[in-house]
Every structure is written in C-alpha cells, then in structure tokens.
Amino acid sequence: MIVTWSISILTVIINFGLTVVLYHKSSKLKKEQADKDNQYKNWNQTFSEYKLQIEQVQNRLNNISTIKPYFSLKFGDIEQQHGDYVMNIDLYNIGNGSAVNVRVDDNGNGLQGYIISNDKNKFILMGPPSITQNIVAKRDKTSLKICSKVSGYDLQKCDTGKITFNVKYQDLMNREFKQSFSFYWIFNYSGSKTLKFTDYINNGIPEEVSD
C-alpha cells in the first residue's frame, strides 16, 4: 500500500514536472515566435518605408528629367546706328526650368560662326551678338542684339535672306542644351533703306549636348 502510494506521488510529481517543463518550453517557443513575428513585422514595415522612399526619389528623378528650359523667339525693333542695323530679339523661357550661362554659340568659327546666313556677302556681322542676361528663370526673358551691315543694296530694289543662330545654355542640373533659331529678313534698298523682320520664325527643339 505504501509502495503504491509512493509510486502515485512520484507519478504526480513527474507529471507535474513535465508539465512545468513543457509549459516553460512552450512559453519560450511562443515568445521566440512572437519575437520573430515582431522582427518580421518591423522589417517588413522598414522595407515598405524604404521602398516608398525609393519610389519617391525615382518619381522626383523622373519629374526632373522632364524639366528643361525652352526658348521662344519674339522680334523687337530694328535700329539704325551709324549705318549699321541692330536687330533686337527677345528670347522667352517658356520651358519648365531656369536656364543659366545663356550665350550665342559661335560653332567654333569665331565671329563668322555666330550667324549662319544664306548669303554672307549681303548680311555682314559687325560683332558678337550680345545677350542682356545669361540667367533666365521660367517665364522670364533675355534680349539679344545682332549688329550687322547689309551690303549690295545698290544692285536691286529689295532683297531677303535667312538667318540661323544657335543658343547654348545649362539647366540647374548642369545639363547643357543647344537650341537653333531661324528667321527671314527683308531689306528695302529704296528710300530709307529699311531692314525688317518677316513673320517666319522657327524655334528649334532643345537638344542635350553630350560631353
């Protein structure tokens, strides 16, 4: 009887001990799993935030890539100064960004390279074209002066010619662009010998200049 009672007590103690051990082990496993779940949740949250930041940066880059200055030419007056003709031309920045270091390109040919004319013997450039300001914000403008002589007016009553010039500039990302402009002029040799612009204007598309 005593032996049976002792065995029963021992069995209870062993079962209780096993229960305690299993409980602690189960609790430990649950805690470890909960920690892993929290770690995964935190990692997933961090990754989602990082992914969102990457997408936002990419969107900004995509938006920036579409931002570039773009000029539109408008005629001003033509002045006579000591026998020379000064063409006043406005370049309006109608693009989506500011332009810096705006200048007329000489195409590597010095004075004669600034202006491309279909008849250089009639349209003679007297000096490099001047620009009033070389930093042009969006919706702002810069003015260009082209000083020239028109020769050969004793040959006929009226003449016309085409002029092309290139403007170079950078945007705020330091990308360089080149834009070409063309227009026609008419010179009336009779009377006051007047030089006029025509209605024809060609504003070229800005092209990015690679190094």
N, C-alpha and C. Protein backbone atom coordinates (compact mmCIF):
# COMPACT_ATOMS: atom_id res chain seq x y z
N MET A 1 0.83 -1.21 0.00
CA MET A 1 0.00 0.00 0.00
C MET A 1 0.86 1.25 0.00
N ILE A 2 1.87 1.21 0.84
CA ILE A 2 2.79 2.36 0.92
C ILE A 2 3.53 2.52 -0.38
N VAL A 3 3.92 1.38 -0.98
CA VAL A 3 4.66 1.41 -2.24
C VAL A 3 3.79 1.99 -3.34
N THR A 4 2.54 1.55 -3.37
CA THR A 4 1.60 2.05 -4.39
C THR A 4 1.39 3.54 -4.23
N TRP A 5 1.24 3.96 -2.96
CA TRP A 5 1.03 5.40 -2.69
C TRP A 5 2.25 6.21 -3.10
N SER A 6 3.43 5.66 -2.84
CA SER A 6 4.68 6.34 -3.19
C SER A 6 4.81 6.48 -4.70
N ILE A 7 4.44 5.39 -5.40
CA ILE A 7 4.51 5.43 -6.87
C ILE A 7 3.55 6.47 -7.42
N SER A 8 2.37 6.55 -6.83
CA SER A 8 1.38 7.53 -7.29
C SER A 8 1.89 8.95 -7.09
N ILE A 9 2.48 9.18 -5.90
CA ILE A 9 3.01 10.52 -5.63
C ILE A 9 4.14 10.85 -6.61
N LEU A 10 5.00 9.84 -6.84
CA LEU A 10 6.13 10.06 -7.76
C LEU A 10 5.62 10.35 -9.17
N THR A 11 4.56 9.63 -9.55
CA THR A 11 3.99 9.85 -10.89
C THR A 11 3.43 11.26 -11.01
N VAL A 12 2.76 11.69 -9.94
CA VAL A 12 2.19 13.05 -9.94
C VAL A 12 3.29 14.09 -10.05
N ILE A 13 4.36 13.83 -9.25
CA ILE A 13 5.48 14.79 -9.27
C ILE A 13 6.12 14.85 -10.65
N ILE A 14 6.32 13.65 -11.23
CA ILE A 14 6.94 13.60 -12.57
C ILE A 14 6.06 14.30 -13.60
N ASN A 15 4.75 14.00 -13.54
CA ASN A 15 3.83 14.62 -14.49
C ASN A 15 3.80 16.14 -14.31
N PHE A 16 3.81 16.56 -13.03
CA PHE A 16 3.81 18.00 -12.76
C PHE A 16 5.09 18.64 -13.29
N GLY A 17 6.21 17.93 -13.05
CA GLY A 17 7.49 18.44 -13.53
C GLY A 17 7.51 18.54 -15.04
N LEU A 18 7.00 17.48 -15.69
CA LEU A 18 6.95 17.50 -17.15
C LEU A 18 6.04 18.62 -17.65
N THR A 19 4.93 18.81 -16.94
CA THR A 19 4.00 19.88 -17.33
C THR A 19 4.67 21.24 -17.22
N VAL A 20 5.40 21.43 -16.10
CA VAL A 20 6.10 22.70 -15.90
C VAL A 20 7.15 22.91 -16.98
N VAL A 21 7.92 21.84 -17.26
CA VAL A 21 8.97 21.94 -18.29
C VAL A 21 8.36 22.24 -19.65
N LEU A 22 7.29 21.50 -19.99
CA LEU A 22 6.64 21.71 -21.28
C LEU A 22 6.03 23.10 -21.37
N TYR A 23 5.48 23.56 -20.24
CA TYR A 23 4.88 24.90 -20.23
C TYR A 23 5.94 25.97 -20.48
N HIS A 24 7.06 25.84 -19.75
CA HIS A 24 8.13 26.81 -19.94
C HIS A 24 8.71 26.74 -21.36
N LYS A 25 8.84 25.51 -21.85
CA LYS A 25 9.36 25.34 -23.20
C LYS A 25 8.40 25.93 -24.23
N SER A 26 7.10 25.64 -24.00
CA SER A 26 6.08 26.18 -24.91
C SER A 26 6.06 27.71 -24.85
N SER A 27 6.16 28.24 -23.63
CA SER A 27 6.17 29.70 -23.46
C SER A 27 7.39 30.31 -24.15
N LYS A 28 8.53 29.61 -24.01
CA LYS A 28 9.75 30.10 -24.64
C LYS A 28 9.62 30.09 -26.16
N LEU A 29 9.04 28.98 -26.68
CA LEU A 29 8.84 28.89 -28.13
C LEU A 29 7.87 29.96 -28.63
N LYS A 30 6.80 30.17 -27.84
CA LYS A 30 5.83 31.20 -28.22
C LYS A 30 6.47 32.58 -28.21
N LYS A 31 7.31 32.83 -27.18
CA LYS A 31 7.99 34.12 -27.08
C LYS A 31 8.96 34.30 -28.25
N GLU A 32 9.70 33.22 -28.56
CA GLU A 32 10.63 33.30 -29.68
C GLU A 32 9.88 33.55 -30.99
N GLN A 33 8.75 32.85 -31.16
CA GLN A 33 7.95 33.04 -32.36
C GLN A 33 7.38 34.45 -32.43
N ALA A 34 6.93 34.94 -31.25
CA ALA A 34 6.40 36.31 -31.20
C ALA A 34 7.49 37.32 -31.53
N ASP A 35 8.71 37.06 -31.01
CA ASP A 35 9.83 37.95 -31.32
C ASP A 35 10.14 37.93 -32.81
N LYS A 36 10.12 36.71 -33.38
CA LYS A 36 10.37 36.59 -34.82
C LYS A 36 9.29 37.30 -35.63
N ASP A 37 8.03 37.13 -35.18
CA ASP A 37 6.92 37.81 -35.87
C ASP A 37 7.08 39.32 -35.80
N ASN A 38 7.47 39.80 -34.61
CA ASN A 38 7.68 41.25 -34.45
C ASN A 38 8.84 41.74 -35.30
N GLN A 39 9.92 40.93 -35.32
CA GLN A 39 11.07 41.29 -36.14
C GLN A 39 10.69 41.35 -37.62
N TYR A 40 9.92 40.35 -38.06
CA TYR A 40 9.48 40.32 -39.45
C TYR A 40 8.56 41.51 -39.75
N LYS A 41 7.66 41.77 -38.78
CA LYS A 41 6.74 42.89 -38.96
C LYS A 41 7.51 44.21 -39.04
N ASN A 42 8.49 44.37 -38.14
CA ASN A 42 9.30 45.59 -38.15
C ASN A 42 10.13 45.69 -39.43
N TRP A 43 10.70 44.54 -39.84
CA TRP A 43 11.50 44.53 -41.07
C TRP A 43 10.63 44.85 -42.28
N ASN A 44 9.43 44.25 -42.30
CA ASN A 44 8.51 44.50 -43.41
C ASN A 44 8.08 45.96 -43.45
N GLN A 45 7.86 46.55 -42.25
CA GLN A 45 7.49 47.96 -42.18
C GLN A 45 8.64 48.84 -42.67
N THR A 46 9.86 48.49 -42.20
CA THR A 46 11.04 49.25 -42.62
C THR A 46 11.25 49.13 -44.12
N PHE A 47 11.10 47.90 -44.64
CA PHE A 47 11.27 47.69 -46.08
C PHE A 47 10.23 48.46 -46.88
N SER A 48 8.98 48.47 -46.39
CA SER A 48 7.92 49.20 -47.08
C SER A 48 8.22 50.70 -47.10
N GLU A 49 8.71 51.22 -45.96
CA GLU A 49 9.07 52.64 -45.90
C GLU A 49 10.24 52.93 -46.84
N TYR A 50 11.22 52.04 -46.84
CA TYR A 50 12.38 52.22 -47.72
C TYR A 50 11.96 52.17 -49.19
N LYS A 51 11.07 51.22 -49.51
CA LYS A 51 10.58 51.10 -50.88
C LYS A 51 9.83 52.36 -51.29
N LEU A 52 9.03 52.90 -50.36
CA LEU A 52 8.29 54.13 -50.64
C LEU A 52 9.25 55.29 -50.89
N GLN A 53 10.31 55.36 -50.07
CA GLN A 53 11.31 56.42 -50.26
C GLN A 53 11.99 56.30 -51.62
N ILE A 54 12.32 55.05 -52.01
CA ILE A 54 12.94 54.82 -53.32
C ILE A 54 11.99 55.26 -54.44
N GLU A 55 10.71 54.92 -54.31
CA GLU A 55 9.73 55.30 -55.32
C GLU A 55 9.59 56.82 -55.40
N GLN A 56 9.61 57.48 -54.23
CA GLN A 56 9.51 58.94 -54.21
C GLN A 56 10.71 59.58 -54.88
N VAL A 57 11.91 59.05 -54.57
CA VAL A 57 13.12 59.56 -55.21
C VAL A 57 13.07 59.34 -56.71
N GLN A 58 12.62 58.15 -57.13
CA GLN A 58 12.53 57.85 -58.56
C GLN A 58 11.55 58.77 -59.26
N ASN A 59 10.42 59.04 -58.58
CA ASN A 59 9.44 59.95 -59.15
C ASN A 59 10.02 61.35 -59.31
N ARG A 60 10.80 61.78 -58.29
CA ARG A 60 11.43 63.10 -58.40
C ARG A 60 12.39 63.13 -59.57
N LEU A 61 13.18 62.05 -59.71
CA LEU A 61 14.13 61.99 -60.82
C LEU A 61 13.41 61.99 -62.16
N ASN A 62 12.30 61.25 -62.24
CA ASN A 62 11.53 61.23 -63.48
C ASN A 62 10.97 62.61 -63.80
N ASN A 63 10.50 63.30 -62.74
CA ASN A 63 9.97 64.65 -62.95
C ASN A 63 11.07 65.61 -63.37
N ILE A 64 12.24 65.48 -62.71
CA ILE A 64 13.36 66.36 -63.03
C ILE A 64 13.82 66.16 -64.46
N SER A 65 13.78 64.89 -64.93
CA SER A 65 14.25 64.61 -66.28
C SER A 65 13.39 65.29 -67.34
N THR A 66 12.14 65.64 -66.99
CA THR A 66 11.27 66.32 -67.95
C THR A 66 11.37 67.83 -67.82
N ILE A 67 12.11 68.30 -66.83
CA ILE A 67 12.25 69.74 -66.62
C ILE A 67 13.45 70.25 -67.41
N LYS A 68 13.19 71.10 -68.35
CA LYS A 68 14.29 71.73 -69.08
C LYS A 68 13.83 73.07 -69.63
N PRO A 69 14.73 74.02 -69.73
CA PRO A 69 14.38 75.32 -70.30
C PRO A 69 14.10 75.18 -71.79
N TYR A 70 13.31 76.10 -72.29
CA TYR A 70 12.97 76.11 -73.71
C TYR A 70 12.64 77.54 -74.10
N PHE A 71 13.30 78.05 -75.14
CA PHE A 71 13.15 79.45 -75.50
C PHE A 71 12.27 79.62 -76.74
N SER A 72 11.52 80.71 -76.73
CA SER A 72 10.71 81.11 -77.87
C SER A 72 11.13 82.51 -78.30
N LEU A 73 11.36 82.68 -79.59
CA LEU A 73 11.88 83.95 -80.12
C LEU A 73 10.74 84.90 -80.47
N LYS A 74 10.93 86.17 -80.10
CA LYS A 74 10.00 87.22 -80.50
C LYS A 74 10.81 88.43 -80.96
N PHE A 75 10.34 89.05 -82.03
CA PHE A 75 11.06 90.19 -82.60
C PHE A 75 10.81 91.46 -81.80
N GLY A 76 11.87 92.26 -81.70
CA GLY A 76 11.75 93.61 -81.17
C GLY A 76 11.91 94.60 -82.31
N ASP A 77 12.56 95.72 -82.03
CA ASP A 77 12.77 96.73 -83.07
C ASP A 77 14.09 96.50 -83.79
N ILE A 78 14.22 97.14 -84.94
CA ILE A 78 15.49 97.19 -85.66
C ILE A 78 15.94 98.64 -85.69
N GLU A 79 17.10 98.91 -85.11
CA GLU A 79 17.61 100.27 -85.02
C GLU A 79 18.72 100.49 -86.05
N GLN A 80 18.85 101.73 -86.47
CA GLN A 80 19.97 102.12 -87.33
C GLN A 80 20.96 102.91 -86.50
N GLN A 81 22.21 102.46 -86.49
CA GLN A 81 23.26 103.13 -85.73
C GLN A 81 24.50 103.29 -86.60
N HIS A 82 24.74 104.51 -87.06
CA HIS A 82 25.94 104.82 -87.85
C HIS A 82 26.06 103.90 -89.07
N GLY A 83 24.96 103.67 -89.72
CA GLY A 83 24.97 102.85 -90.92
C GLY A 83 24.83 101.37 -90.66
N ASP A 84 24.89 100.97 -89.39
CA ASP A 84 24.69 99.57 -89.04
C ASP A 84 23.23 99.35 -88.63
N TYR A 85 22.82 98.09 -88.69
CA TYR A 85 21.47 97.73 -88.28
C TYR A 85 21.55 96.82 -87.05
N VAL A 86 20.84 97.22 -86.00
CA VAL A 86 20.85 96.44 -84.76
C VAL A 86 19.49 95.77 -84.61
N MET A 87 19.50 94.44 -84.70
CA MET A 87 18.27 93.66 -84.52
C MET A 87 18.09 93.37 -83.03
N ASN A 88 16.96 93.75 -82.48
CA ASN A 88 16.64 93.46 -81.09
C ASN A 88 15.67 92.28 -81.04
N ILE A 89 16.10 91.22 -80.40
CA ILE A 89 15.33 89.98 -80.35
C ILE A 89 15.17 89.55 -78.90
N ASP A 90 13.97 89.16 -78.52
CA ASP A 90 13.72 88.65 -77.17
C ASP A 90 13.60 87.13 -77.21
N LEU A 91 14.22 86.49 -76.23
CA LEU A 91 14.12 85.05 -76.07
C LEU A 91 13.39 84.77 -74.75
N TYR A 92 12.17 84.27 -74.85
CA TYR A 92 11.35 83.98 -73.67
C TYR A 92 11.53 82.51 -73.26
N ASN A 93 11.79 82.30 -71.98
CA ASN A 93 11.92 80.94 -71.47
C ASN A 93 10.52 80.41 -71.15
N ILE A 94 9.99 79.59 -72.05
CA ILE A 94 8.65 79.02 -71.85
C ILE A 94 8.74 77.56 -71.41
N GLY A 95 9.93 77.13 -71.03
CA GLY A 95 10.12 75.75 -70.59
C GLY A 95 9.78 75.56 -69.13
N ASN A 96 10.24 74.45 -68.56
CA ASN A 96 9.91 74.10 -67.17
C ASN A 96 11.09 74.21 -66.23
N GLY A 97 12.03 75.06 -66.54
CA GLY A 97 13.18 75.22 -65.65
C GLY A 97 13.97 76.45 -66.02
N SER A 98 14.83 76.87 -65.10
CA SER A 98 15.68 78.04 -65.35
C SER A 98 16.86 77.67 -66.24
N ALA A 99 17.31 78.65 -67.00
CA ALA A 99 18.48 78.47 -67.87
C ALA A 99 19.61 79.36 -67.36
N VAL A 100 20.81 78.82 -67.31
CA VAL A 100 21.98 79.58 -66.87
C VAL A 100 23.05 79.52 -67.96
N ASN A 101 23.96 80.49 -67.89
CA ASN A 101 25.06 80.58 -68.86
C ASN A 101 24.52 80.61 -70.29
N VAL A 102 23.51 81.42 -70.51
CA VAL A 102 22.90 81.54 -71.84
C VAL A 102 23.83 82.36 -72.74
N ARG A 103 24.15 81.83 -73.90
CA ARG A 103 25.02 82.55 -74.83
C ARG A 103 24.78 82.06 -76.25
N VAL A 104 25.15 82.92 -77.21
CA VAL A 104 25.07 82.53 -78.61
C VAL A 104 26.33 81.74 -78.96
N ASP A 105 26.14 80.61 -79.60
CA ASP A 105 27.25 79.72 -79.92
C ASP A 105 27.91 80.15 -81.23
N ASP A 106 29.24 80.21 -81.23
CA ASP A 106 29.95 80.57 -82.46
C ASP A 106 30.30 79.35 -83.31
N ASN A 107 29.85 78.17 -82.84
CA ASN A 107 30.07 76.92 -83.59
C ASN A 107 31.55 76.67 -83.88
N GLY A 108 32.41 77.25 -83.05
CA GLY A 108 33.85 77.03 -83.20
C GLY A 108 34.48 77.80 -84.34
N ASN A 109 33.74 78.78 -84.90
CA ASN A 109 34.25 79.50 -86.08
C ASN A 109 34.46 80.99 -85.83
N GLY A 110 34.52 81.39 -84.55
CA GLY A 110 34.76 82.80 -84.25
C GLY A 110 33.60 83.68 -84.67
N LEU A 111 33.90 84.93 -85.04
CA LEU A 111 32.87 85.91 -85.35
C LEU A 111 31.92 85.44 -86.45
N GLN A 112 32.46 84.86 -87.50
CA GLN A 112 31.63 84.46 -88.62
C GLN A 112 30.78 83.22 -88.32
N GLY A 113 31.02 82.59 -87.18
CA GLY A 113 30.26 81.39 -86.84
C GLY A 113 29.01 81.65 -86.03
N TYR A 114 28.86 82.89 -85.52
CA TYR A 114 27.70 83.18 -84.68
C TYR A 114 26.39 83.14 -85.47
N ILE A 115 26.44 83.67 -86.68
CA ILE A 115 25.25 83.76 -87.51
C ILE A 115 25.47 82.98 -88.80
N ILE A 116 24.52 82.11 -89.10
CA ILE A 116 24.56 81.37 -90.36
C ILE A 116 23.55 82.02 -91.30
N SER A 117 24.04 82.62 -92.38
CA SER A 117 23.17 83.31 -93.33
C SER A 117 23.23 82.60 -94.67
N ASN A 118 22.13 82.67 -95.41
CA ASN A 118 22.13 82.03 -96.73
C ASN A 118 22.90 82.87 -97.75
N ASP A 119 23.29 84.07 -97.36
CA ASP A 119 24.12 84.90 -98.24
C ASP A 119 24.98 85.81 -97.38
N LYS A 120 26.16 85.33 -96.99
CA LYS A 120 27.02 86.09 -96.09
C LYS A 120 27.58 87.34 -96.74
N ASN A 121 27.54 87.42 -98.07
CA ASN A 121 28.04 88.62 -98.73
C ASN A 121 27.10 89.81 -98.55
N LYS A 122 25.84 89.52 -98.20
CA LYS A 122 24.86 90.59 -98.03
C LYS A 122 24.65 90.92 -96.55
N PHE A 123 24.69 89.91 -95.69
CA PHE A 123 24.49 90.14 -94.26
C PHE A 123 25.83 89.97 -93.56
N ILE A 124 26.40 91.08 -93.10
CA ILE A 124 27.74 91.07 -92.52
C ILE A 124 27.64 91.38 -91.03
N LEU A 125 28.05 90.44 -90.20
CA LEU A 125 28.00 90.61 -88.75
C LEU A 125 29.13 91.55 -88.32
N MET A 126 28.78 92.57 -87.52
CA MET A 126 29.76 93.57 -87.11
C MET A 126 30.41 93.26 -85.76
N GLY A 127 29.88 92.30 -85.04
CA GLY A 127 30.44 91.93 -83.75
C GLY A 127 29.65 90.77 -83.16
N PRO A 128 30.17 90.14 -82.11
CA PRO A 128 29.45 89.03 -81.49
C PRO A 128 28.08 89.48 -80.98
N PRO A 129 27.04 88.69 -81.18
CA PRO A 129 25.73 89.04 -80.62
C PRO A 129 25.82 89.17 -79.10
N SER A 130 25.15 90.16 -78.56
CA SER A 130 25.19 90.39 -77.11
C SER A 130 23.87 89.97 -76.48
N ILE A 131 23.97 89.41 -75.27
CA ILE A 131 22.79 88.99 -74.52
C ILE A 131 22.73 89.80 -73.23
N THR A 132 21.54 90.32 -72.91
CA THR A 132 21.41 91.22 -71.76
C THR A 132 21.59 90.50 -70.43
N GLN A 133 21.12 89.26 -70.32
CA GLN A 133 21.32 88.49 -69.09
C GLN A 133 21.47 87.02 -69.45
N ASN A 134 22.39 86.36 -68.75
CA ASN A 134 22.67 84.96 -69.08
C ASN A 134 22.06 83.98 -68.09
N ILE A 135 21.23 84.48 -67.17
CA ILE A 135 20.45 83.62 -66.28
C ILE A 135 18.99 83.98 -66.49
N VAL A 136 18.21 83.02 -66.96
CA VAL A 136 16.82 83.30 -67.34
C VAL A 136 15.91 82.30 -66.63
N ALA A 137 15.10 82.81 -65.72
CA ALA A 137 14.17 81.96 -64.99
C ALA A 137 12.98 81.60 -65.88
N LYS A 138 12.20 80.64 -65.41
CA LYS A 138 10.99 80.25 -66.13
C LYS A 138 10.06 81.46 -66.28
N ARG A 139 9.53 81.64 -67.48
CA ARG A 139 8.63 82.74 -67.85
C ARG A 139 9.34 84.09 -67.90
N ASP A 140 10.65 84.10 -67.75
CA ASP A 140 11.41 85.33 -67.88
C ASP A 140 12.00 85.40 -69.29
N LYS A 141 12.71 86.46 -69.60
CA LYS A 141 13.27 86.60 -70.93
C LYS A 141 14.67 87.20 -70.86
N THR A 142 15.41 87.01 -71.92
CA THR A 142 16.66 87.71 -72.14
C THR A 142 16.58 88.33 -73.52
N SER A 143 17.33 89.39 -73.73
CA SER A 143 17.30 90.10 -75.01
C SER A 143 18.62 89.92 -75.74
N LEU A 144 18.51 89.81 -77.04
CA LEU A 144 19.66 89.57 -77.91
C LEU A 144 19.77 90.71 -78.91
N LYS A 145 20.98 91.22 -79.09
CA LYS A 145 21.23 92.26 -80.07
C LYS A 145 22.19 91.73 -81.13
N ILE A 146 21.79 91.86 -82.39
CA ILE A 146 22.63 91.45 -83.51
C ILE A 146 22.93 92.69 -84.35
N CYS A 147 24.19 93.08 -84.37
CA CYS A 147 24.61 94.27 -85.11
C CYS A 147 25.22 93.84 -86.44
N SER A 148 24.71 94.42 -87.55
CA SER A 148 25.16 93.96 -88.86
C SER A 148 25.12 95.10 -89.88
N LYS A 149 25.75 94.84 -90.99
CA LYS A 149 25.62 95.67 -92.18
C LYS A 149 24.95 94.84 -93.27
N VAL A 150 24.22 95.50 -94.14
CA VAL A 150 23.64 94.83 -95.30
C VAL A 150 24.26 95.47 -96.53
N SER A 151 25.02 94.69 -97.29
CA SER A 151 25.72 95.23 -98.46
C SER A 151 25.00 94.86 -99.74
N GLY A 152 25.43 95.48 -100.83
CA GLY A 152 24.88 95.14 -102.14
C GLY A 152 23.56 95.81 -102.43
N TYR A 153 23.17 96.83 -101.62
CA TYR A 153 21.86 97.43 -101.82
C TYR A 153 21.79 98.29 -103.08
N ASP A 154 22.93 98.53 -103.72
CA ASP A 154 22.89 99.30 -104.96
C ASP A 154 22.60 98.41 -106.16
N LEU A 155 22.45 97.11 -105.92
CA LEU A 155 22.26 96.18 -107.03
C LEU A 155 20.79 96.03 -107.41
N GLN A 156 19.90 96.13 -106.42
CA GLN A 156 18.49 95.93 -106.72
C GLN A 156 17.63 96.64 -105.68
N LYS A 157 16.34 96.64 -105.91
CA LYS A 157 15.42 97.39 -105.06
C LYS A 157 15.15 96.72 -103.72
N CYS A 158 15.08 95.40 -103.70
CA CYS A 158 14.68 94.69 -102.48
C CYS A 158 15.38 93.34 -102.43
N ASP A 159 15.66 92.89 -101.24
CA ASP A 159 16.30 91.59 -101.09
C ASP A 159 15.85 90.96 -99.78
N THR A 160 16.04 89.68 -99.68
CA THR A 160 15.66 88.95 -98.47
C THR A 160 16.72 87.91 -98.16
N GLY A 161 16.76 87.48 -96.92
CA GLY A 161 17.73 86.47 -96.53
C GLY A 161 17.28 85.73 -95.28
N LYS A 162 17.86 84.58 -95.08
CA LYS A 162 17.53 83.76 -93.92
C LYS A 162 18.71 83.77 -92.95
N ILE A 163 18.40 83.88 -91.68
CA ILE A 163 19.42 83.88 -90.63
C ILE A 163 19.14 82.74 -89.66
N THR A 164 20.18 82.04 -89.30
CA THR A 164 20.09 80.98 -88.29
C THR A 164 21.17 81.21 -87.24
N PHE A 165 20.81 81.06 -85.99
CA PHE A 165 21.81 81.13 -84.93
C PHE A 165 21.47 80.11 -83.85
N ASN A 166 22.48 79.71 -83.10
CA ASN A 166 22.32 78.70 -82.06
C ASN A 166 22.59 79.30 -80.69
N VAL A 167 21.76 78.94 -79.74
CA VAL A 167 21.94 79.38 -78.36
C VAL A 167 22.24 78.16 -77.50
N LYS A 168 23.25 78.29 -76.65
CA LYS A 168 23.59 77.23 -75.70
C LYS A 168 23.30 77.71 -74.28
N TYR A 169 22.94 76.76 -73.43
CA TYR A 169 22.67 77.09 -72.03
C TYR A 169 22.65 75.81 -71.21
N GLN A 170 22.72 75.97 -69.89
CA GLN A 170 22.61 74.83 -68.97
C GLN A 170 21.34 74.98 -68.13
N ASP A 171 20.86 73.84 -67.64
CA ASP A 171 19.78 73.90 -66.65
C ASP A 171 20.40 73.78 -65.26
N LEU A 172 19.57 73.71 -64.23
CA LEU A 172 20.07 73.68 -62.86
C LEU A 172 20.68 72.33 -62.49
N MET A 173 20.55 71.33 -63.36
CA MET A 173 21.21 70.05 -63.15
C MET A 173 22.53 69.98 -63.91
N ASN A 174 22.93 71.13 -64.46
CA ASN A 174 24.18 71.27 -65.21
C ASN A 174 24.17 70.50 -66.53
N ARG A 175 22.98 70.17 -67.02
CA ARG A 175 22.89 69.59 -68.35
C ARG A 175 22.97 70.73 -69.37
N GLU A 176 23.69 70.51 -70.45
CA GLU A 176 23.84 71.57 -71.46
C GLU A 176 22.93 71.29 -72.65
N PHE A 177 22.30 72.36 -73.14
CA PHE A 177 21.39 72.24 -74.27
C PHE A 177 21.80 73.22 -75.37
N LYS A 178 21.42 72.85 -76.58
CA LYS A 178 21.64 73.70 -77.74
C LYS A 178 20.32 73.83 -78.48
N GLN A 179 19.94 75.08 -78.77
CA GLN A 179 18.67 75.33 -79.45
C GLN A 179 18.92 76.24 -80.65
N SER A 180 18.35 75.87 -81.78
CA SER A 180 18.57 76.61 -83.02
C SER A 180 17.35 77.48 -83.34
N PHE A 181 17.60 78.69 -83.86
CA PHE A 181 16.54 79.61 -84.25
C PHE A 181 16.79 80.09 -85.68
N SER A 182 15.71 80.26 -86.43
CA SER A 182 15.83 80.77 -87.80
C SER A 182 14.74 81.80 -88.07
N PHE A 183 15.07 82.79 -88.88
CA PHE A 183 14.07 83.76 -89.33
C PHE A 183 14.56 84.40 -90.63
N TYR A 184 13.64 85.07 -91.32
CA TYR A 184 13.97 85.77 -92.56
C TYR A 184 13.91 87.28 -92.34
N TRP A 185 14.76 87.98 -93.07
CA TRP A 185 14.74 89.44 -93.05
C TRP A 185 14.50 89.95 -94.47
N ILE A 186 13.97 91.15 -94.57
CA ILE A 186 13.75 91.80 -95.86
C ILE A 186 14.43 93.17 -95.82
N PHE A 187 15.20 93.46 -96.84
CA PHE A 187 15.87 94.77 -96.92
C PHE A 187 15.34 95.52 -98.14
N ASN A 188 14.84 96.72 -97.87
CA ASN A 188 14.31 97.58 -98.93
C ASN A 188 15.38 98.63 -99.26
N TYR A 189 15.93 98.57 -100.47
CA TYR A 189 17.04 99.45 -100.83
C TYR A 189 16.58 100.86 -101.20
N SER A 190 15.32 101.01 -101.56
CA SER A 190 14.85 102.32 -101.98
C SER A 190 14.49 103.17 -100.77
N GLY A 191 14.53 104.45 -100.95
CA GLY A 191 14.12 105.36 -99.88
C GLY A 191 15.08 105.32 -98.70
N SER A 192 14.56 104.94 -97.50
CA SER A 192 15.36 104.98 -96.28
C SER A 192 16.20 103.73 -96.05
N LYS A 193 16.15 102.81 -96.99
CA LYS A 193 16.93 101.57 -96.87
C LYS A 193 16.62 100.88 -95.54
N THR A 194 15.44 100.35 -95.41
CA THR A 194 14.98 99.76 -94.16
C THR A 194 15.17 98.24 -94.15
N LEU A 195 15.50 97.75 -92.97
CA LEU A 195 15.64 96.32 -92.74
C LEU A 195 14.48 95.88 -91.84
N LYS A 196 13.77 94.83 -92.25
CA LYS A 196 12.60 94.39 -91.50
C LYS A 196 12.66 92.88 -91.25
N PHE A 197 11.96 92.48 -90.19
CA PHE A 197 11.76 91.05 -89.94
C PHE A 197 10.56 90.57 -90.75
N THR A 198 10.55 89.30 -91.07
CA THR A 198 9.35 88.69 -91.64
C THR A 198 8.61 87.94 -90.54
N ASP A 199 7.44 87.40 -90.88
CA ASP A 199 6.65 86.67 -89.88
C ASP A 199 7.19 85.26 -89.63
N TYR A 200 8.12 84.83 -90.46
CA TYR A 200 8.62 83.46 -90.33
C TYR A 200 9.58 83.34 -89.14
N ILE A 201 9.28 82.43 -88.22
CA ILE A 201 10.17 82.13 -87.10
C ILE A 201 10.18 80.62 -86.90
N ASN A 202 11.35 80.08 -86.72
CA ASN A 202 11.47 78.66 -86.40
C ASN A 202 12.21 78.52 -85.08
N ASN A 203 11.47 78.13 -84.02
CA ASN A 203 12.09 77.85 -82.73
C ASN A 203 12.44 76.36 -82.68
N GLY A 204 13.71 76.06 -82.72
CA GLY A 204 14.12 74.66 -82.70
C GLY A 204 13.86 73.99 -81.36
N ILE A 205 13.91 72.67 -81.36
CA ILE A 205 13.75 71.90 -80.13
C ILE A 205 15.10 71.82 -79.42
N PRO A 206 15.14 72.11 -78.12
CA PRO A 206 16.42 72.00 -77.40
C PRO A 206 16.98 70.58 -77.46
N GLU A 207 18.24 70.48 -77.79
CA GLU A 207 18.91 69.18 -77.83
C GLU A 207 20.00 69.16 -76.77
N GLU A 208 20.02 68.09 -75.99
CA GLU A 208 21.03 67.98 -74.95
C GLU A 208 22.39 67.72 -75.59
N VAL A 209 23.38 68.47 -75.14
CA VAL A 209 24.73 68.35 -75.68
C VAL A 209 25.52 67.40 -74.80
N SER A 210 26.01 66.33 -75.38
CA SER A 210 26.81 65.36 -74.63
C SER A 210 28.26 65.80 -74.62
N ASP A 211 28.96 65.40 -73.55
CA ASP A 211 30.38 65.76 -73.43
C ASP A 211 31.21 65.01 -74.46
